[in-house]
Amino acid sequence: MWREHLTEIIVFSALFLLVSGMGFVAARWRAPKDMAHLDEWGLGGRNFGGWITWFLVGGDLYTAYTFVAVPALMFGAGAAGFFAVPYTIVIYPLVFLVLCRLWSVSHRHGFVTPADFVRKRFDSPVLALLIAITGIVATMPYIALQLVGIEAVLKTMGVTGESALARHLPIIIAFAILAAYTYQSGLRAPALIAFVKDTLIYIVILVAVLYLPYKLGGWGEIFDAAEAKFDASPNPNDGVLLNANNQLQYVTLAFGSALALFLYPHSITGVLASRNRDVIKRNMSALPAYSLLLGLIALLGFMAIAAGVKPLPGSSPGSVDSNTVVPVLFDQQFPDWFAGVAYAAIGIGALVPAAIMSIAAANLFTRNIYKEYLKRDASPAQEANVSKITSLVVKVGAVACIVFLDPQFSIDLQLIGGVIILQTLPAVALGLYTRWFHRGALIGGWVAGMGLGMWMLYQIPNAATGRKHFGGSAFPLADFGFDTPKTIYVGIVAVLVNLAVAALLTVVLRAAKVRDGGDGTTSDDYFADEGDPRVVPGPRRDADAAPEPVA
């Protein structure tokens, strides 16, 4: 079967090898005197300007999985899949000032991870550990999902095998190359590759939204075909418009996803690599351009309906792989050479976020587990070395998820990851503005929100696979005793409980005069900018020790 797609495979391979070479060359791009430091390997020297940050953060947030999953959801469920567009619009005004404060305090104190900030702000190694573990656990399935995007492309090109090893060998090779150049070049590799990745995606989508509607008879024909399909669907919630039953799920999922987006460690890594506050402000103003692109990407799902696309078979008997909708559409409608370019855009679109995610997870382990609990006197070179090794382990774990788990379960795990990372909102996002919460209360809120979220997720089945638990993030309100068929996003409920418990426990603990930790930051820290003096970190101290004065 792969011989029928030889041109596509050649174009895909050539572009893939090109960006792989760029990944290795990136070590010499803006090369520092010494890469053996997390500021250099893990944050690119904290010196990326406006354009580099725009491509890096955009390439990090708008991934290969976005390219295939959002249109697939539009193809299968209709308007409900469009939730990804409003949430990527709403988020930027919300984080415009929040991220500036995080950058400033991180610049002043040399923070590399959000858990570093929590450790200093609340003087609690336990709370910082929980934030670090949460970030790592939430990021792992996100990396695995990038492999789902590559796998959909390879399957469409016929690059498959009978055995599990043969079927996944191309992905293993691709991630081995990714691991090698990330190990050598750190964050500079995805930053440089992001230019090629985003340029390819913009070209492919602009061609698609102009060429495909012309070929399929116009937008009217496309929407008529989608409406006809959903009118015949046995699921009343499917359609080109929302209805009364799925509006609550849509709103809460969009808002919850927006709140979670810049809590993910990889999103924060791209922000901390910026040169100054102005770079962040300009990017929060300009990044919605990617949301326009995402809206066009989503409409590929309706184009696939009009084109009569049939998804390829799934991994289990009788199932279909909905993630192949867009690759099959490109295969059927584009010339072979341009389909190869489109496949490369998706494949390269997996490399950039996967690299950043593995670096972010490695930084969390190094700074907040290894240095905090295993080797407090670790030198910068030792930190960088441990982070490099950990990034390799993270990538191996992501590949193992794809090889040994059903791809649909990997998708469900990512939905769980969104619920998990939301539980860091009180300590990280609100902590940037207030020190009112007691550190013990924040731990209690995290436990309550995480416990409720896991219980709710456990109750949700997956009708498509027959799995009884952890089948999604839409919780039926009927299970709470309401007489309604509506569902609600688990993450919103869990984080509201988290906040309520944290607020209540803060009042109780302060009334009981339970000792709270000191605040290692000052108000001026949250407005520091490029060129302002940095605080030289002193030795770690126990949580109950008297706070040190801040220079």
Protein backbone atom coordinates (compact mmCIF):
# COMPACT_ATOMS: atom_id res chain seq x y z
CA MET A 1 0.00 0.00 0.00
CA TRP A 2 2.86 2.39 0.75
CA ARG A 3 3.99 2.27 -2.93
CA GLU A 4 0.80 4.14 -3.88
CA HIS A 5 1.95 6.99 -1.64
CA LEU A 6 5.62 7.03 -2.65
CA THR A 7 5.66 10.71 -3.65
CA GLU A 8 4.00 11.69 -0.37
CA ILE A 9 6.48 9.61 1.61
CA ILE A 10 9.48 11.16 -0.19
CA VAL A 11 8.26 14.74 0.40
CA PHE A 12 7.35 13.97 4.01
CA SER A 13 10.72 12.33 4.70
CA ALA A 14 12.71 15.12 3.05
CA LEU A 15 11.03 17.86 5.10
CA PHE A 16 11.26 15.76 8.26
CA LEU A 17 15.00 15.24 7.76
CA LEU A 18 15.43 18.97 7.04
CA VAL A 19 13.95 20.04 10.37
CA SER A 20 15.84 17.27 12.16
CA GLY A 21 19.06 18.74 10.81
CA MET A 22 17.91 22.17 11.98
CA GLY A 23 17.36 20.69 15.43
CA PHE A 24 21.01 19.66 15.67
CA VAL A 25 22.27 22.94 14.20
CA ALA A 26 20.20 24.85 16.77
CA ALA A 27 22.88 24.17 19.40
CA ARG A 28 25.06 26.70 17.53
CA TRP A 29 22.23 29.20 17.03
CA ARG A 30 22.61 32.04 19.54
CA ALA A 31 25.13 29.74 21.18
CA PRO A 32 26.08 30.62 24.77
CA LYS A 33 29.48 30.12 26.27
CA ASP A 34 28.13 27.28 28.39
CA MET A 35 25.02 25.16 27.68
CA ALA A 36 25.45 23.38 31.03
CA HIS A 37 22.84 25.53 32.76
CA LEU A 38 19.05 25.24 32.85
CA ASP A 39 18.72 28.91 31.89
CA GLU A 40 20.48 28.03 28.63
CA TRP A 41 19.43 24.44 27.88
CA GLY A 42 15.91 24.64 29.34
CA LEU A 43 15.00 28.29 28.63
CA GLY A 44 17.11 29.23 25.61
CA GLY A 45 19.07 31.79 27.57
CA ARG A 46 15.89 33.67 28.56
CA ASN A 47 16.58 35.88 25.56
CA PHE A 48 13.98 35.15 22.86
CA GLY A 49 12.52 38.20 21.15
CA GLY A 50 9.04 38.85 19.77
CA TRP A 51 9.11 36.79 16.59
CA ILE A 52 10.90 33.79 18.09
CA THR A 53 8.52 33.73 21.06
CA TRP A 54 5.50 34.06 18.77
CA PHE A 55 6.53 31.06 16.70
CA LEU A 56 7.68 29.08 19.75
CA VAL A 57 4.56 29.59 21.88
CA GLY A 58 2.26 29.25 18.87
CA GLY A 59 4.01 26.06 17.83
CA ASP A 60 3.75 24.81 21.40
CA LEU A 61 0.02 25.49 21.87
CA TYR A 62 -1.26 24.61 18.39
CA THR A 63 0.02 21.07 17.99
CA ALA A 64 -0.15 18.17 15.53
CA TYR A 65 -2.93 16.71 17.61
CA THR A 66 -4.87 19.96 17.25
CA PHE A 67 -4.45 19.64 13.49
CA VAL A 68 -6.10 16.21 13.39
CA ALA A 69 -8.34 16.09 16.49
CA VAL A 70 -10.34 19.33 16.19
CA PRO A 71 -11.49 18.60 12.60
CA ALA A 72 -12.14 14.98 13.61
CA LEU A 73 -14.43 16.17 16.42
CA MET A 74 -16.20 18.52 13.99
CA PHE A 75 -16.54 15.58 11.57
CA GLY A 76 -18.04 13.35 14.26
CA ALA A 77 -20.06 15.70 16.49
CA GLY A 78 -20.38 19.02 14.68
CA ALA A 79 -20.52 22.35 16.51
CA ALA A 80 -19.38 20.87 19.84
CA GLY A 81 -15.91 20.46 18.34
CA PHE A 82 -15.65 24.20 17.82
CA PHE A 83 -15.05 24.74 21.56
CA ALA A 84 -11.31 24.93 20.89
CA VAL A 85 -11.72 28.20 18.99
CA PRO A 86 -13.39 30.39 21.66
CA TYR A 87 -11.16 29.10 24.43
CA THR A 88 -8.02 30.05 22.53
CA ILE A 89 -9.49 33.53 22.05
CA VAL A 90 -10.70 34.05 25.63
CA ILE A 91 -7.44 33.00 27.23
CA TYR A 92 -5.17 35.78 25.97
CA PRO A 93 -6.92 38.72 27.68
CA LEU A 94 -7.09 36.60 30.85
CA VAL A 95 -3.34 35.92 30.97
CA PHE A 96 -2.10 39.22 29.46
CA LEU A 97 -1.06 40.64 32.84
CA VAL A 98 -0.80 37.35 34.77
CA LEU A 99 2.07 36.09 32.61
CA CYS A 100 3.90 39.41 32.86
CA ARG A 101 3.90 39.06 36.64
CA LEU A 102 5.09 35.46 36.42
CA TRP A 103 7.89 36.43 34.02
CA SER A 104 9.01 39.29 36.26
CA VAL A 105 9.18 37.33 39.50
CA SER A 106 10.86 34.43 37.68
CA HIS A 107 13.40 36.78 36.11
CA ARG A 108 14.16 38.37 39.47
CA HIS A 109 14.62 35.07 41.34
CA GLY A 110 15.82 32.79 38.55
CA PHE A 111 12.74 30.54 38.62
CA VAL A 112 12.64 27.88 35.89
CA THR A 113 9.31 26.23 36.73
CA PRO A 114 5.97 27.28 38.25
CA ALA A 115 6.75 25.05 41.22
CA ASP A 116 9.88 27.18 41.86
CA PHE A 117 7.60 30.18 42.26
CA VAL A 118 5.20 28.33 44.57
CA ARG A 119 8.13 27.15 46.71
CA LYS A 120 9.33 30.72 47.21
CA ARG A 121 5.93 32.38 47.47
CA PHE A 122 4.39 30.01 50.03
CA ASP A 123 7.56 28.63 51.63
CA SER A 124 6.23 25.10 51.26
CA PRO A 125 8.29 22.30 49.68
CA VAL A 126 5.28 19.97 49.96
CA LEU A 127 3.03 22.29 47.97
CA ALA A 128 5.80 22.81 45.40
CA LEU A 129 6.20 19.04 45.12
CA LEU A 130 2.47 18.62 44.47
CA ILE A 131 2.58 21.31 41.77
CA ALA A 132 5.61 19.63 40.15
CA ILE A 133 4.08 16.14 40.18
CA THR A 134 0.80 17.51 38.83
CA GLY A 135 2.62 19.21 35.97
CA ILE A 136 4.60 16.09 35.05
CA VAL A 137 1.56 13.79 35.16
CA ALA A 138 -0.56 16.22 33.11
CA THR A 139 2.17 16.67 30.50
CA MET A 140 3.00 13.00 29.83
CA PRO A 141 -0.22 12.09 27.95
CA TYR A 142 -0.01 15.42 26.10
CA ILE A 143 3.32 14.29 24.63
CA ALA A 144 1.80 10.93 23.72
CA LEU A 145 -0.96 12.70 21.81
CA GLN A 146 1.60 14.27 19.49
CA LEU A 147 2.45 10.72 18.48
CA VAL A 148 -1.23 10.12 17.69
CA GLY A 149 -1.00 12.90 15.09
CA ILE A 150 2.11 11.40 13.48
CA GLU A 151 0.56 7.93 13.57
CA ALA A 152 -2.55 9.16 11.70
CA VAL A 153 -0.33 10.52 8.92
CA LEU A 154 1.79 7.37 8.69
CA LYS A 155 -1.32 5.19 8.59
CA THR A 156 -2.75 7.24 5.73
CA MET A 157 0.51 6.90 3.78
CA GLY A 158 0.38 3.13 4.30
CA VAL A 159 3.48 3.05 6.50
CA THR A 160 2.17 0.33 8.80
CA GLY A 161 3.01 -3.22 9.74
CA GLU A 162 1.40 -6.37 11.03
CA SER A 163 3.22 -6.55 14.36
CA ALA A 164 3.08 -3.87 17.05
CA LEU A 165 6.82 -3.20 16.61
CA ALA A 166 6.61 -2.83 12.83
CA ARG A 167 3.55 -0.59 13.11
CA HIS A 168 5.23 1.76 15.57
CA LEU A 169 8.82 1.59 14.29
CA PRO A 170 8.61 4.85 12.27
CA ILE A 171 7.31 6.69 15.35
CA ILE A 172 10.07 5.21 17.50
CA ILE A 173 12.69 6.36 14.97
CA ALA A 174 11.15 9.84 14.74
CA PHE A 175 11.16 10.26 18.51
CA ALA A 176 14.69 8.90 18.78
CA ILE A 177 15.83 11.69 16.43
CA LEU A 178 13.75 14.19 18.44
CA ALA A 179 15.34 12.95 21.67
CA ALA A 180 18.85 13.30 20.23
CA TYR A 181 18.59 16.89 19.05
CA THR A 182 16.61 18.01 22.10
CA TYR A 183 19.31 16.49 24.32
CA GLN A 184 21.96 18.45 22.44
CA SER A 185 20.23 21.75 21.72
CA GLY A 186 17.58 22.11 24.43
CA LEU A 187 14.85 24.71 23.88
CA ARG A 188 16.73 26.27 20.96
CA ALA A 189 15.82 23.25 18.80
CA PRO A 190 12.01 23.61 18.92
CA ALA A 191 12.38 27.41 18.75
CA LEU A 192 14.22 27.15 15.42
CA ILE A 193 12.03 24.35 14.02
CA ALA A 194 8.87 26.28 14.93
CA PHE A 195 9.57 28.71 12.08
CA VAL A 196 9.34 25.89 9.52
CA LYS A 197 6.44 24.15 11.25
CA ASP A 198 4.20 27.20 11.48
CA THR A 199 5.04 28.39 7.97
CA LEU A 200 4.06 25.00 6.54
CA ILE A 201 0.81 24.92 8.51
CA TYR A 202 -0.17 28.43 7.40
CA ILE A 203 0.52 27.52 3.75
CA VAL A 204 -1.41 24.24 3.93
CA ILE A 205 -4.45 25.72 5.65
CA LEU A 206 -4.67 28.78 3.42
CA VAL A 207 -4.49 26.56 0.33
CA ALA A 208 -7.05 24.18 1.83
CA VAL A 209 -9.67 26.83 2.67
CA LEU A 210 -9.38 28.34 -0.80
CA TYR A 211 -8.94 25.24 -2.94
CA LEU A 212 -11.17 22.66 -1.22
CA PRO A 213 -14.40 24.73 -1.10
CA TYR A 214 -13.92 25.52 -4.81
CA LYS A 215 -13.45 21.82 -5.57
CA LEU A 216 -16.36 20.71 -3.36
CA GLY A 217 -18.90 23.18 -4.77
CA GLY A 218 -18.62 26.05 -2.30
CA TRP A 219 -19.25 26.64 1.39
CA GLY A 220 -23.00 26.24 0.95
CA GLU A 221 -22.57 22.68 -0.31
CA ILE A 222 -20.15 21.91 2.51
CA PHE A 223 -22.50 23.06 5.27
CA ASP A 224 -25.51 21.39 3.58
CA ALA A 225 -23.63 18.08 3.54
CA ALA A 226 -22.70 18.46 7.21
CA GLU A 227 -26.28 19.33 8.18
CA ALA A 228 -27.62 16.33 6.28
CA LYS A 229 -25.21 14.00 8.05
CA PHE A 230 -26.04 15.28 11.53
CA ASP A 231 -29.79 15.28 10.86
CA ALA A 232 -29.49 11.54 10.24
CA SER A 233 -27.35 10.97 13.36
CA PRO A 234 -28.94 8.98 16.22
CA ASN A 235 -27.21 11.33 18.70
CA PRO A 236 -29.46 14.38 19.23
CA ASN A 237 -26.46 16.45 20.38
CA ASP A 238 -24.75 16.20 16.98
CA GLY A 239 -25.34 19.13 14.64
CA VAL A 240 -23.95 22.22 12.98
CA LEU A 241 -25.43 24.22 15.87
CA LEU A 242 -25.46 23.62 19.62
CA ASN A 243 -28.70 22.69 21.38
CA ALA A 244 -30.04 23.17 24.89
CA ASN A 245 -28.48 19.91 26.11
CA ASN A 246 -24.85 20.52 25.13
CA GLN A 247 -24.49 24.27 25.65
CA LEU A 248 -23.45 23.95 29.31
CA GLN A 249 -20.82 21.35 28.46
CA TYR A 250 -19.56 23.55 25.62
CA VAL A 251 -19.26 26.67 27.78
CA THR A 252 -17.64 24.97 30.77
CA LEU A 253 -15.26 22.95 28.59
CA ALA A 254 -14.18 26.06 26.68
CA PHE A 255 -13.70 28.16 29.82
CA GLY A 256 -12.03 25.36 31.78
CA SER A 257 -9.66 24.63 28.88
CA ALA A 258 -8.83 28.34 28.68
CA LEU A 259 -7.93 28.45 32.38
CA ALA A 260 -5.80 25.32 32.03
CA LEU A 261 -3.88 26.30 28.89
CA PHE A 262 -1.20 28.49 30.48
CA LEU A 263 -1.00 26.36 33.62
CA TYR A 264 0.67 23.59 31.63
CA PRO A 265 4.43 23.63 32.27
CA HIS A 266 5.30 23.70 28.58
CA SER A 267 3.25 26.87 28.04
CA ILE A 268 5.04 28.57 30.92
CA THR A 269 8.43 27.42 29.60
CA GLY A 270 7.87 29.31 26.35
CA VAL A 271 6.86 32.42 28.28
CA LEU A 272 9.86 32.34 30.66
CA ALA A 273 12.21 32.09 27.67
CA SER A 274 11.10 35.58 26.56
CA ARG A 275 13.51 38.50 26.76
CA ASN A 276 11.29 40.95 28.65
CA ARG A 277 7.74 41.92 29.59
CA ASP A 278 7.10 43.76 26.34
CA VAL A 279 7.72 40.57 24.36
CA ILE A 280 5.03 38.83 26.37
CA LYS A 281 2.56 41.69 25.95
CA ARG A 282 3.07 41.80 22.19
CA ASN A 283 2.67 38.04 21.93
CA MET A 284 -0.52 37.92 23.98
CA SER A 285 -1.86 40.51 21.52
CA ALA A 286 -0.65 38.68 18.40
CA LEU A 287 -1.19 35.00 19.29
CA PRO A 288 -4.96 35.15 18.54
CA ALA A 289 -3.87 35.03 14.87
CA TYR A 290 -3.34 31.33 15.53
CA SER A 291 -6.94 31.13 16.75
CA LEU A 292 -8.10 32.37 13.35
CA LEU A 293 -6.03 29.60 11.81
CA LEU A 294 -7.56 27.10 14.24
CA GLY A 295 -11.06 28.11 13.16
CA LEU A 296 -10.10 27.36 9.57
CA ILE A 297 -8.54 24.04 10.62
CA ALA A 298 -11.77 23.08 12.40
CA LEU A 299 -13.78 23.57 9.21
CA LEU A 300 -11.72 20.82 7.56
CA GLY A 301 -14.05 18.44 9.43
CA PHE A 302 -17.07 19.72 7.51
CA MET A 303 -15.08 19.64 4.25
CA ALA A 304 -14.31 15.96 4.93
CA ILE A 305 -18.06 15.27 5.26
CA ALA A 306 -18.77 16.98 1.93
CA ALA A 307 -15.92 15.06 0.29
CA GLY A 308 -17.32 11.72 1.51
CA VAL A 309 -14.22 10.86 3.54
CA LYS A 310 -14.25 7.52 5.34
CA PRO A 311 -11.85 7.27 8.31
CA LEU A 312 -9.38 4.41 8.23
CA PRO A 313 -9.98 1.35 10.47
CA GLY A 314 -9.00 1.66 14.12
CA SER A 315 -6.83 -0.62 16.21
CA SER A 316 -9.72 -2.73 17.52
CA PRO A 317 -12.00 -4.83 15.26
CA GLY A 318 -14.93 -2.90 13.80
CA SER A 319 -13.67 0.51 15.00
CA VAL A 320 -12.54 3.52 12.97
CA ASP A 321 -9.69 5.91 13.61
CA SER A 322 -11.34 9.34 13.48
CA ASN A 323 -7.93 11.02 13.68
CA THR A 324 -7.27 9.96 10.07
CA VAL A 325 -10.09 12.19 8.74
CA VAL A 326 -7.85 15.13 7.79
CA PRO A 327 -4.96 13.04 6.37
CA VAL A 328 -7.43 11.03 4.23
CA LEU A 329 -9.08 14.28 3.07
CA PHE A 330 -5.69 15.63 1.96
CA ASP A 331 -4.84 12.31 0.29
CA GLN A 332 -8.05 12.32 -1.73
CA GLN A 333 -8.20 16.00 -2.69
CA PHE A 334 -4.61 17.23 -3.04
CA PRO A 335 -1.91 16.28 -5.55
CA ASP A 336 0.50 13.75 -4.08
CA TRP A 337 3.35 16.26 -3.66
CA PHE A 338 1.22 18.77 -1.79
CA ALA A 339 -0.34 16.03 0.35
CA GLY A 340 3.25 15.19 1.33
CA VAL A 341 3.81 18.83 2.35
CA ALA A 342 0.59 18.74 4.41
CA TYR A 343 1.63 15.51 6.11
CA ALA A 344 5.02 17.03 6.92
CA ALA A 345 3.26 20.03 8.47
CA ILE A 346 1.38 17.66 10.79
CA GLY A 347 4.44 15.54 11.54
CA ILE A 348 6.70 18.51 12.24
CA GLY A 349 3.81 20.00 14.21
CA ALA A 350 4.30 17.11 16.63
CA LEU A 351 8.02 17.66 17.11
CA VAL A 352 7.91 21.24 18.40
CA PRO A 353 5.42 20.76 21.26
CA ALA A 354 6.77 17.31 22.14
CA ALA A 355 10.26 18.77 22.58
CA ILE A 356 9.04 21.70 24.71
CA MET A 357 6.81 19.44 26.81
CA SER A 358 9.62 16.99 27.55
CA ILE A 359 11.95 19.87 28.50
CA ALA A 360 9.30 21.38 30.79
CA ALA A 361 8.62 18.06 32.52
CA ALA A 362 12.35 17.45 32.92
CA ASN A 363 12.86 20.90 34.44
CA LEU A 364 10.11 20.20 36.98
CA PHE A 365 11.75 16.95 38.04
CA THR A 366 15.21 18.49 38.23
CA ARG A 367 14.37 21.66 40.14
CA ASN A 368 11.54 20.50 42.38
CA ILE A 369 12.29 16.83 43.06
CA TYR A 370 15.96 16.13 42.36
CA LYS A 371 17.38 19.37 43.79
CA GLU A 372 14.79 19.72 46.57
CA TYR A 373 14.92 16.16 47.91
CA LEU A 374 17.86 14.27 46.39
CA LYS A 375 20.79 16.70 45.97
CA ARG A 376 20.28 20.16 47.42
CA ASP A 377 23.82 21.28 46.56
CA ALA A 378 23.52 20.31 42.88
CA SER A 379 25.55 22.60 40.62
CA PRO A 380 24.00 24.26 37.53
CA ALA A 381 25.87 21.77 35.34
CA GLN A 382 24.48 18.82 37.32
CA GLU A 383 20.97 20.27 37.05
CA ALA A 384 21.30 20.61 33.29
CA ASN A 385 22.62 17.06 32.96
CA VAL A 386 19.80 15.56 35.06
CA SER A 387 17.24 17.53 33.07
CA LYS A 388 18.67 16.24 29.77
CA ILE A 389 18.47 12.64 30.96
CA THR A 390 14.98 13.10 32.36
CA SER A 391 13.77 14.54 29.05
CA LEU A 392 14.86 11.28 27.40
CA VAL A 393 12.97 9.24 29.98
CA VAL A 394 9.85 11.34 29.43
CA LYS A 395 9.95 10.72 25.67
CA VAL A 396 10.39 6.98 26.21
CA GLY A 397 7.34 7.02 28.48
CA ALA A 398 5.31 8.85 25.83
CA VAL A 399 6.26 6.31 23.16
CA ALA A 400 5.36 3.48 25.57
CA CYS A 401 1.88 5.00 25.99
CA ILE A 402 1.28 4.78 22.24
CA VAL A 403 2.82 1.31 21.83
CA PHE A 404 1.11 -0.39 24.78
CA LEU A 405 -2.13 1.60 25.24
CA ASP A 406 -5.10 2.02 22.94
CA PRO A 407 -4.79 5.41 21.18
CA GLN A 408 -8.30 6.35 22.33
CA PHE A 409 -7.24 5.83 25.95
CA SER A 410 -4.28 8.17 25.34
CA ILE A 411 -6.78 10.80 24.19
CA ASP A 412 -8.91 10.25 27.29
CA LEU A 413 -5.77 10.51 29.45
CA GLN A 414 -5.11 13.95 27.97
CA LEU A 415 -8.64 15.03 28.94
CA ILE A 416 -7.83 13.83 32.44
CA GLY A 417 -4.61 15.87 32.26
CA GLY A 418 -6.64 19.04 31.73
CA VAL A 419 -8.65 18.36 34.87
CA ILE A 420 -5.46 17.63 36.81
CA ILE A 421 -3.53 20.75 35.78
CA LEU A 422 -6.49 23.00 36.67
CA GLN A 423 -5.93 22.09 40.32
CA THR A 424 -2.74 24.16 40.29
CA LEU A 425 -4.68 27.36 39.54
CA PRO A 426 -5.08 28.60 43.16
CA ALA A 427 -1.38 28.27 44.00
CA VAL A 428 0.11 29.38 40.68
CA ALA A 429 -2.30 31.85 39.04
CA LEU A 430 -3.94 33.34 42.13
CA GLY A 431 -0.66 33.15 44.00
CA LEU A 432 0.73 35.73 41.60
CA TYR A 433 -1.75 38.26 42.95
CA THR A 434 -2.37 37.34 46.56
CA ARG A 435 -0.64 35.68 49.49
CA TRP A 436 -3.93 35.44 51.41
CA PHE A 437 -4.27 31.67 51.10
CA HIS A 438 -2.63 29.57 53.83
CA ARG A 439 -0.15 27.08 52.46
CA GLY A 440 -1.87 24.22 54.30
CA ALA A 441 -5.22 25.32 52.88
CA LEU A 442 -3.84 25.22 49.34
CA ILE A 443 -2.68 21.65 49.94
CA GLY A 444 -6.12 20.76 51.31
CA GLY A 445 -7.83 22.39 48.32
CA TRP A 446 -5.58 20.49 45.91
CA VAL A 447 -6.43 17.19 47.61
CA ALA A 448 -10.18 17.96 47.54
CA GLY A 449 -10.23 19.12 43.92
CA MET A 450 -8.05 16.27 42.73
CA GLY A 451 -10.06 13.67 44.66
CA LEU A 452 -13.41 14.91 43.37
CA GLY A 453 -12.08 15.23 39.83
CA MET A 454 -10.74 11.67 39.81
CA TRP A 455 -14.01 10.33 41.22
CA MET A 456 -16.06 12.14 38.56
CA LEU A 457 -13.76 10.99 35.75
CA TYR A 458 -13.94 7.42 37.04
CA GLN A 459 -17.74 7.49 36.67
CA ILE A 460 -17.69 8.48 33.00
CA PRO A 461 -17.88 5.59 30.48
CA ASN A 462 -16.72 5.64 26.86
CA ALA A 463 -19.54 4.34 24.67
CA ALA A 464 -17.31 4.11 21.58
CA THR A 465 -14.82 1.70 23.17
CA GLY A 466 -17.05 0.07 25.77
CA ARG A 467 -14.74 1.16 28.59
CA LYS A 468 -16.70 1.77 31.81
CA HIS A 469 -14.37 4.29 33.45
CA PHE A 470 -12.21 7.29 32.53
CA GLY A 471 -14.01 7.66 29.21
CA GLY A 472 -14.05 11.45 28.92
CA SER A 473 -14.58 14.65 30.86
CA ALA A 474 -18.34 15.31 30.35
CA PHE A 475 -20.06 14.46 33.65
CA PRO A 476 -23.85 13.91 33.63
CA LEU A 477 -25.62 16.31 35.99
CA ALA A 478 -28.13 13.51 36.61
CA ASP A 479 -25.43 11.81 38.71
CA PHE A 480 -25.59 14.82 41.03
CA GLY A 481 -29.34 14.37 41.38
CA PHE A 482 -30.49 16.90 38.76
CA ASP A 483 -33.34 15.90 36.47
CA THR A 484 -31.62 16.88 33.23
CA PRO A 485 -29.67 15.21 30.40
CA LYS A 486 -27.05 18.00 30.46
CA THR A 487 -23.39 17.39 31.18
CA ILE A 488 -20.69 19.62 32.66
CA TYR A 489 -16.91 19.70 32.30
CA VAL A 490 -15.32 17.90 35.25
CA GLY A 491 -12.43 20.34 35.53
CA ILE A 492 -14.66 23.33 36.32
CA VAL A 493 -16.45 21.51 39.14
CA ALA A 494 -13.19 20.19 40.60
CA VAL A 495 -11.39 23.56 40.60
CA LEU A 496 -14.41 25.34 42.14
CA VAL A 497 -14.37 22.80 44.99
CA ASN A 498 -10.59 23.27 45.24
CA LEU A 499 -11.02 27.03 45.65
CA ALA A 500 -13.88 26.70 48.13
CA VAL A 501 -11.94 24.27 50.34
CA ALA A 502 -8.76 26.40 50.15
CA ALA A 503 -10.68 29.53 51.18
CA LEU A 504 -12.52 27.79 54.02
CA LEU A 505 -9.38 26.11 55.39
CA THR A 506 -7.48 29.40 55.21
CA VAL A 507 -10.06 31.00 57.50
CA VAL A 508 -9.97 28.00 59.86
CA LEU A 509 -6.16 27.73 59.99
CA ARG A 510 -5.69 31.45 60.55
CA ALA A 511 -8.31 31.41 63.31
CA ALA A 512 -6.46 28.49 64.90
CA LYS A 513 -3.20 30.45 64.52
CA VAL A 514 -1.53 27.61 62.61
CA ARG A 515 1.83 28.86 61.45
CA ASP A 516 2.05 29.85 57.80
CA GLY A 517 5.26 30.08 55.80
CA GLY A 518 6.99 33.31 54.90
CA ASP A 519 6.77 35.01 51.53
CA GLY A 520 10.16 35.08 49.79
CA THR A 521 9.02 37.63 47.22
CA THR A 522 8.33 41.37 47.38
CA SER A 523 5.79 43.50 45.52
CA ASP A 524 8.55 44.97 43.35
CA ASP A 525 9.48 41.50 42.10
CA TYR A 526 6.25 41.30 40.07
CA PHE A 527 7.18 44.35 37.99
CA ALA A 528 10.86 43.60 37.36
CA ASP A 529 11.99 43.86 33.76
CA GLU A 530 15.01 43.20 31.59
CA GLY A 531 18.07 44.82 33.08
CA ASP A 532 16.74 44.94 36.64
CA PRO A 533 19.01 43.28 39.24
CA ARG A 534 18.36 39.63 40.02
CA VAL A 535 18.25 38.07 43.48
CA VAL A 536 21.03 35.57 44.03
CA PRO A 537 19.31 32.45 45.47
CA GLY A 538 20.62 31.31 48.80
CA PRO A 539 20.65 27.80 50.23
CA ARG A 540 17.39 25.93 50.58
CA ARG A 541 15.79 26.14 53.97
CA ASP A 542 13.16 24.21 55.84
CA ALA A 543 9.55 25.31 55.50
CA ASP A 544 9.25 26.34 59.13
CA ALA A 545 12.44 28.36 59.26
CA ALA A 546 12.27 32.12 59.61
CA PRO A 547 12.06 33.81 56.21
CA GLU A 548 15.26 35.24 54.78
CA PRO A 549 15.38 38.90 53.78
CA VAL A 550 15.12 39.44 50.04
CA ALA A 551 17.69 41.66 48.38
